[in-house]
Amino acid sequence: MNYINSTAICLLSFFLLSGCTSAQKSVASPSERIVSEANYEHLKSLSGDWHLVGGVRLGKKIEANLEEPFLSYSVSSGGHAVIEKLFVGKPNEMVSVYYLDMGRLNMDHYCSLGNQPKMVAVPSDDNRITFQLVGISNLNSEDELHISSHALKFDGPNEMTVYWGATENQISFDGSVYEVRRMLP
């Protein structure tokens, strides 16, 4: 009998403590949900290969390349995720996953630096989706270089500018800007 009581008390304590320490997420307001869902649908419409028209990566100019994809987008997981690949097919290829959570548009970036910034979309212009950093995993020090902001500016149905803000030594700077174009068959 003591064994049963002890087990019951341990289980009850576990459930109470785990409930008290779990992360609480807020649900988006109805207007935030509408904007997030519209932005997510826009991201889904980006499916295909995008080629570099021009850009700057961490202060260094990158030449245009219309021969091979620079960015690619695909819809996955039954429409519940949009997968973005940056530097397609290169050793430094990176993946970002866009998804809705509790009515908010989120993005997790799997960086070639080995860390994983997590971002959420914030209000911005109609032709732009802007993300701010809400957390980062696998970062050894706050001084390490990491992506700290992201935006997609839509210049037309098949043209956009992609912004990646960076932080190093706890100082934010304009990291990279890429002008890309979707090449239709």
C-alpha atoms as a PDB file:
ATOM      1  CA  MET A   1       0.000   0.000   0.000  1.00  0.00           C
ATOM      2  CA  ASN A   2       2.838   2.416   0.824  1.00  0.00           C
ATOM      3  CA  TYR A   3       4.344   1.679  -2.596  1.00  0.00           C
ATOM      4  CA  ILE A   4       1.082   2.614  -4.343  1.00  0.00           C
ATOM      5  CA  ASN A   5       0.726   5.825  -2.303  1.00  0.00           C
ATOM      6  CA  SER A   6       4.341   6.801  -2.960  1.00  0.00           C
ATOM      7  CA  THR A   7       3.949   6.148  -6.685  1.00  0.00           C
ATOM      8  CA  ALA A   8       0.714   8.147  -6.829  1.00  0.00           C
ATOM      9  CA  ILE A   9       2.301  11.093  -5.010  1.00  0.00           C
ATOM     10  CA  CYS A  10       5.343  11.026  -7.314  1.00  0.00           C
ATOM     11  CA  LEU A  11       3.176  10.942 -10.450  1.00  0.00           C
ATOM     12  CA  LEU A  12       0.901  13.710  -9.167  1.00  0.00           C
ATOM     13  CA  SER A  13       3.916  15.867  -8.318  1.00  0.00           C
ATOM     14  CA  PHE A  14       5.439  15.239 -11.746  1.00  0.00           C
ATOM     15  CA  PHE A  15       2.271  16.264 -13.586  1.00  0.00           C
ATOM     16  CA  LEU A  16       1.759  19.363 -11.452  1.00  0.00           C
ATOM     17  CA  LEU A  17       5.357  20.514 -11.834  1.00  0.00           C
ATOM     18  CA  SER A  18       5.521  19.817 -15.561  1.00  0.00           C
ATOM     19  CA  GLY A  19       2.342  21.819 -16.070  1.00  0.00           C
ATOM     20  CA  CYS A  20       3.759  24.740 -14.116  1.00  0.00           C
ATOM     21  CA  THR A  21       7.026  24.834 -16.010  1.00  0.00           C
ATOM     22  CA  SER A  22       5.807  24.272 -19.577  1.00  0.00           C
ATOM     23  CA  ALA A  23       6.170  27.189 -21.969  1.00  0.00           C
ATOM     24  CA  GLN A  24       2.945  29.096 -22.415  1.00  0.00           C
ATOM     25  CA  LYS A  25       2.327  30.413 -25.922  1.00  0.00           C
ATOM     26  CA  SER A  26      -0.073  33.208 -26.564  1.00  0.00           C
ATOM     27  CA  VAL A  27      -2.665  32.827 -29.262  1.00  0.00           C
ATOM     28  CA  ALA A  28      -2.656  35.435 -32.030  1.00  0.00           C
ATOM     29  CA  SER A  29      -5.504  37.925 -32.102  1.00  0.00           C
ATOM     30  CA  PRO A  30      -8.052  37.471 -34.916  1.00  0.00           C
ATOM     31  CA  SER A  31      -6.455  40.304 -36.944  1.00  0.00           C
ATOM     32  CA  GLU A  32      -2.936  38.897 -36.408  1.00  0.00           C
ATOM     33  CA  ARG A  33      -4.175  35.469 -37.484  1.00  0.00           C
ATOM     34  CA  ILE A  34      -5.636  36.888 -40.722  1.00  0.00           C
ATOM     35  CA  VAL A  35      -2.350  38.624 -41.602  1.00  0.00           C
ATOM     36  CA  SER A  36      -0.264  35.566 -40.667  1.00  0.00           C
ATOM     37  CA  GLU A  37      -2.414  33.237 -42.756  1.00  0.00           C
ATOM     38  CA  ALA A  38      -2.287  35.609 -45.760  1.00  0.00           C
ATOM     39  CA  ASN A  39       1.510  35.888 -45.441  1.00  0.00           C
ATOM     40  CA  TYR A  40       1.805  32.108 -45.158  1.00  0.00           C
ATOM     41  CA  GLU A  41      -0.256  31.668 -48.342  1.00  0.00           C
ATOM     42  CA  HIS A  42       2.074  34.156 -50.037  1.00  0.00           C
ATOM     43  CA  LEU A  43       5.075  32.070 -48.936  1.00  0.00           C
ATOM     44  CA  LYS A  44       3.415  28.954 -50.370  1.00  0.00           C
ATOM     45  CA  SER A  45       3.064  30.758 -53.706  1.00  0.00           C
ATOM     46  CA  LEU A  46       6.865  31.115 -53.908  1.00  0.00           C
ATOM     47  CA  SER A  47       7.280  27.415 -54.810  1.00  0.00           C
ATOM     48  CA  GLY A  48      10.001  26.898 -57.380  1.00  0.00           C
ATOM     49  CA  ASP A  49      13.571  27.929 -58.087  1.00  0.00           C
ATOM     50  CA  TRP A  50      14.818  31.483 -57.709  1.00  0.00           C
ATOM     51  CA  HIS A  51      18.007  32.793 -59.317  1.00  0.00           C
ATOM     52  CA  LEU A  52      20.390  35.434 -58.011  1.00  0.00           C
ATOM     53  CA  VAL A  53      20.176  38.754 -59.850  1.00  0.00           C
ATOM     54  CA  GLY A  54      22.572  40.501 -57.447  1.00  0.00           C
ATOM     55  CA  GLY A  55      23.448  40.726 -53.810  1.00  0.00           C
ATOM     56  CA  VAL A  56      25.762  41.279 -50.893  1.00  0.00           C
ATOM     57  CA  ARG A  57      26.718  38.611 -48.347  1.00  0.00           C
ATOM     58  CA  LEU A  58      28.241  39.884 -45.106  1.00  0.00           C
ATOM     59  CA  GLY A  59      29.598  42.961 -46.885  1.00  0.00           C
ATOM     60  CA  LYS A  60      30.928  41.164 -49.983  1.00  0.00           C
ATOM     61  CA  LYS A  61      29.282  41.536 -53.378  1.00  0.00           C
ATOM     62  CA  ILE A  62      27.921  38.375 -54.979  1.00  0.00           C
ATOM     63  CA  GLU A  63      27.700  38.189 -58.757  1.00  0.00           C
ATOM     64  CA  ALA A  64      24.446  37.397 -60.518  1.00  0.00           C
ATOM     65  CA  ASN A  65      23.913  33.793 -61.602  1.00  0.00           C
ATOM     66  CA  LEU A  66      20.920  33.034 -63.782  1.00  0.00           C
ATOM     67  CA  GLU A  67      22.197  29.539 -64.659  1.00  0.00           C
ATOM     68  CA  GLU A  68      21.493  27.720 -61.395  1.00  0.00           C
ATOM     69  CA  PRO A  69      19.030  28.166 -58.526  1.00  0.00           C
ATOM     70  CA  PHE A  70      20.135  30.297 -55.586  1.00  0.00           C
ATOM     71  CA  LEU A  71      16.939  29.876 -53.535  1.00  0.00           C
ATOM     72  CA  SER A  72      14.216  27.270 -53.743  1.00  0.00           C
ATOM     73  CA  TYR A  73      10.834  27.001 -52.070  1.00  0.00           C
ATOM     74  CA  SER A  74       8.619  23.956 -51.663  1.00  0.00           C
ATOM     75  CA  VAL A  75       5.444  23.217 -49.748  1.00  0.00           C
ATOM     76  CA  SER A  76       5.674  20.181 -47.466  1.00  0.00           C
ATOM     77  CA  SER A  77       3.898  18.338 -44.641  1.00  0.00           C
ATOM     78  CA  GLY A  78       0.464  18.452 -46.224  1.00  0.00           C
ATOM     79  CA  GLY A  79       0.691  22.227 -46.713  1.00  0.00           C
ATOM     80  CA  HIS A  80       1.722  22.918 -43.110  1.00  0.00           C
ATOM     81  CA  ALA A  81       5.340  23.858 -43.870  1.00  0.00           C
ATOM     82  CA  VAL A  82       7.179  25.869 -46.500  1.00  0.00           C
ATOM     83  CA  ILE A  83      10.800  24.842 -46.931  1.00  0.00           C
ATOM     84  CA  GLU A  84      13.285  27.394 -48.185  1.00  0.00           C
ATOM     85  CA  LYS A  85      16.777  26.401 -49.318  1.00  0.00           C
ATOM     86  CA  LEU A  86      19.424  29.106 -49.618  1.00  0.00           C
ATOM     87  CA  PHE A  87      22.645  28.449 -51.593  1.00  0.00           C
ATOM     88  CA  VAL A  88      20.907  25.494 -53.244  1.00  0.00           C
ATOM     89  CA  GLY A  89      23.184  22.505 -53.748  1.00  0.00           C
ATOM     90  CA  LYS A  90      26.264  24.197 -52.278  1.00  0.00           C
ATOM     91  CA  PRO A  91      28.263  23.011 -49.234  1.00  0.00           C
ATOM     92  CA  ASN A  92      26.932  26.014 -47.274  1.00  0.00           C
ATOM     93  CA  GLU A  93      23.286  25.307 -48.208  1.00  0.00           C
ATOM     94  CA  MET A  94      20.913  26.406 -45.448  1.00  0.00           C
ATOM     95  CA  VAL A  95      17.291  25.508 -44.786  1.00  0.00           C
ATOM     96  CA  SER A  96      14.523  27.603 -43.277  1.00  0.00           C
ATOM     97  CA  VAL A  97      11.089  26.238 -42.418  1.00  0.00           C
ATOM     98  CA  TYR A  98       8.081  28.559 -42.311  1.00  0.00           C
ATOM     99  CA  TYR A  99       4.922  27.476 -40.494  1.00  0.00           C
ATOM    100  CA  LEU A 100       1.895  28.717 -38.565  1.00  0.00           C
ATOM    101  CA  ASP A 101       1.741  28.160 -34.810  1.00  0.00           C
ATOM    102  CA  MET A 102      -1.139  29.425 -32.676  1.00  0.00           C
ATOM    103  CA  GLY A 103      -2.081  31.820 -35.502  1.00  0.00           C
ATOM    104  CA  ARG A 104       1.413  33.314 -35.823  1.00  0.00           C
ATOM    105  CA  LEU A 105       3.808  32.926 -38.745  1.00  0.00           C
ATOM    106  CA  ASN A 106       7.095  31.427 -37.551  1.00  0.00           C
ATOM    107  CA  MET A 107      10.393  30.590 -39.197  1.00  0.00           C
ATOM    108  CA  ASP A 108      13.162  28.286 -37.991  1.00  0.00           C
ATOM    109  CA  HIS A 109      16.497  28.749 -39.792  1.00  0.00           C
ATOM    110  CA  TYR A 110      19.047  25.944 -39.877  1.00  0.00           C
ATOM    111  CA  CYS A 111      22.225  27.926 -40.439  1.00  0.00           C
ATOM    112  CA  SER A 112      25.485  26.713 -41.969  1.00  0.00           C
ATOM    113  CA  LEU A 113      27.134  28.171 -38.839  1.00  0.00           C
ATOM    114  CA  GLY A 114      25.496  25.355 -36.856  1.00  0.00           C
ATOM    115  CA  ASN A 115      22.967  27.413 -34.882  1.00  0.00           C
ATOM    116  CA  GLN A 116      19.203  27.598 -35.297  1.00  0.00           C
ATOM    117  CA  PRO A 117      17.576  31.039 -35.017  1.00  0.00           C
ATOM    118  CA  LYS A 118      13.829  30.980 -34.376  1.00  0.00           C
ATOM    119  CA  MET A 119      11.794  33.952 -35.588  1.00  0.00           C
ATOM    120  CA  VAL A 120       8.241  35.226 -35.681  1.00  0.00           C
ATOM    121  CA  ALA A 121       6.675  37.541 -38.262  1.00  0.00           C
ATOM    122  CA  VAL A 122       5.894  41.082 -37.123  1.00  0.00           C
ATOM    123  CA  PRO A 123       3.638  43.701 -38.732  1.00  0.00           C
ATOM    124  CA  SER A 124       5.133  45.233 -41.876  1.00  0.00           C
ATOM    125  CA  ASP A 125       4.210  46.668 -45.276  1.00  0.00           C
ATOM    126  CA  ASP A 126       1.814  44.849 -47.592  1.00  0.00           C
ATOM    127  CA  ASN A 127       4.603  43.807 -49.939  1.00  0.00           C
ATOM    128  CA  ARG A 128       6.938  42.613 -47.198  1.00  0.00           C
ATOM    129  CA  ILE A 129       7.120  39.914 -44.529  1.00  0.00           C
ATOM    130  CA  THR A 130       9.448  40.821 -41.657  1.00  0.00           C
ATOM    131  CA  PHE A 131      10.682  38.441 -38.964  1.00  0.00           C
ATOM    132  CA  GLN A 132      12.277  39.171 -35.604  1.00  0.00           C
ATOM    133  CA  LEU A 133      14.387  36.843 -33.511  1.00  0.00           C
ATOM    134  CA  VAL A 134      12.637  35.185 -30.566  1.00  0.00           C
ATOM    135  CA  GLY A 135      15.267  32.596 -29.685  1.00  0.00           C
ATOM    136  CA  ILE A 136      18.279  30.711 -30.908  1.00  0.00           C
ATOM    137  CA  SER A 137      19.568  27.245 -30.159  1.00  0.00           C
ATOM    138  CA  ASN A 138      23.060  25.794 -30.378  1.00  0.00           C
ATOM    139  CA  LEU A 139      24.754  29.150 -29.814  1.00  0.00           C
ATOM    140  CA  ASN A 140      27.772  28.870 -27.516  1.00  0.00           C
ATOM    141  CA  SER A 141      28.059  32.602 -26.818  1.00  0.00           C
ATOM    142  CA  GLU A 142      25.951  35.698 -27.457  1.00  0.00           C
ATOM    143  CA  ASP A 143      29.047  37.137 -29.171  1.00  0.00           C
ATOM    144  CA  GLU A 144      29.027  34.495 -31.938  1.00  0.00           C
ATOM    145  CA  LEU A 145      27.900  35.505 -35.421  1.00  0.00           C
ATOM    146  CA  HIS A 146      24.255  34.613 -35.986  1.00  0.00           C
ATOM    147  CA  ILE A 147      21.249  35.660 -38.027  1.00  0.00           C
ATOM    148  CA  SER A 148      19.051  38.004 -36.000  1.00  0.00           C
ATOM    149  CA  SER A 149      16.403  39.262 -38.433  1.00  0.00           C
ATOM    150  CA  HIS A 150      14.917  38.341 -41.793  1.00  0.00           C
ATOM    151  CA  ALA A 151      12.610  39.902 -44.357  1.00  0.00           C
ATOM    152  CA  LEU A 152      11.193  39.130 -47.764  1.00  0.00           C
ATOM    153  CA  LYS A 153      10.225  42.113 -49.930  1.00  0.00           C
ATOM    154  CA  PHE A 154       8.056  41.269 -52.914  1.00  0.00           C
ATOM    155  CA  ASP A 155       8.973  43.362 -55.940  1.00  0.00           C
ATOM    156  CA  GLY A 156       6.545  41.504 -58.229  1.00  0.00           C
ATOM    157  CA  PRO A 157       5.134  37.988 -58.596  1.00  0.00           C
ATOM    158  CA  ASN A 158       8.520  36.634 -59.723  1.00  0.00           C
ATOM    159  CA  GLU A 159      10.961  39.091 -58.146  1.00  0.00           C
ATOM    160  CA  MET A 160      11.890  39.681 -54.534  1.00  0.00           C
ATOM    161  CA  THR A 161      14.615  40.984 -52.275  1.00  0.00           C
ATOM    162  CA  VAL A 162      15.660  38.837 -49.323  1.00  0.00           C
ATOM    163  CA  TYR A 163      17.225  40.455 -46.245  1.00  0.00           C
ATOM    164  CA  TRP A 164      19.164  38.673 -43.501  1.00  0.00           C
ATOM    165  CA  GLY A 165      20.260  40.798 -40.537  1.00  0.00           C
ATOM    166  CA  ALA A 166      23.181  39.521 -38.502  1.00  0.00           C
ATOM    167  CA  THR A 167      24.616  40.043 -35.038  1.00  0.00           C
ATOM    168  CA  GLU A 168      28.188  39.529 -33.872  1.00  0.00           C
ATOM    169  CA  ASN A 169      29.728  40.596 -30.577  1.00  0.00           C
ATOM    170  CA  GLN A 170      26.162  41.624 -29.633  1.00  0.00           C
ATOM    171  CA  ILE A 171      26.171  44.300 -32.363  1.00  0.00           C
ATOM    172  CA  SER A 172      23.527  44.095 -35.106  1.00  0.00           C
ATOM    173  CA  PHE A 173      24.380  44.904 -38.709  1.00  0.00           C
ATOM    174  CA  ASP A 174      23.017  44.432 -42.220  1.00  0.00           C
ATOM    175  CA  GLY A 175      24.197  40.928 -42.952  1.00  0.00           C
ATOM    176  CA  SER A 176      23.095  39.978 -46.449  1.00  0.00           C
ATOM    177  CA  VAL A 177      20.758  41.221 -49.167  1.00  0.00           C
ATOM    178  CA  TYR A 178      19.866  39.102 -52.180  1.00  0.00           C
ATOM    179  CA  GLU A 179      17.852  40.166 -55.212  1.00  0.00           C
ATOM    180  CA  VAL A 180      16.305  37.076 -56.790  1.00  0.00           C
ATOM    181  CA  ARG A 181      14.038  36.229 -59.704  1.00  0.00           C
ATOM    182  CA  ARG A 182      11.919  33.159 -60.339  1.00  0.00           C
ATOM    183  CA  MET A 183      12.668  31.821 -63.792  1.00  0.00           C
ATOM    184  CA  LEU A 184       9.522  30.394 -65.337  1.00  0.00           C
ATOM    185  CA  PRO A 185       9.695  27.669 -68.013  1.00  0.00           C
END
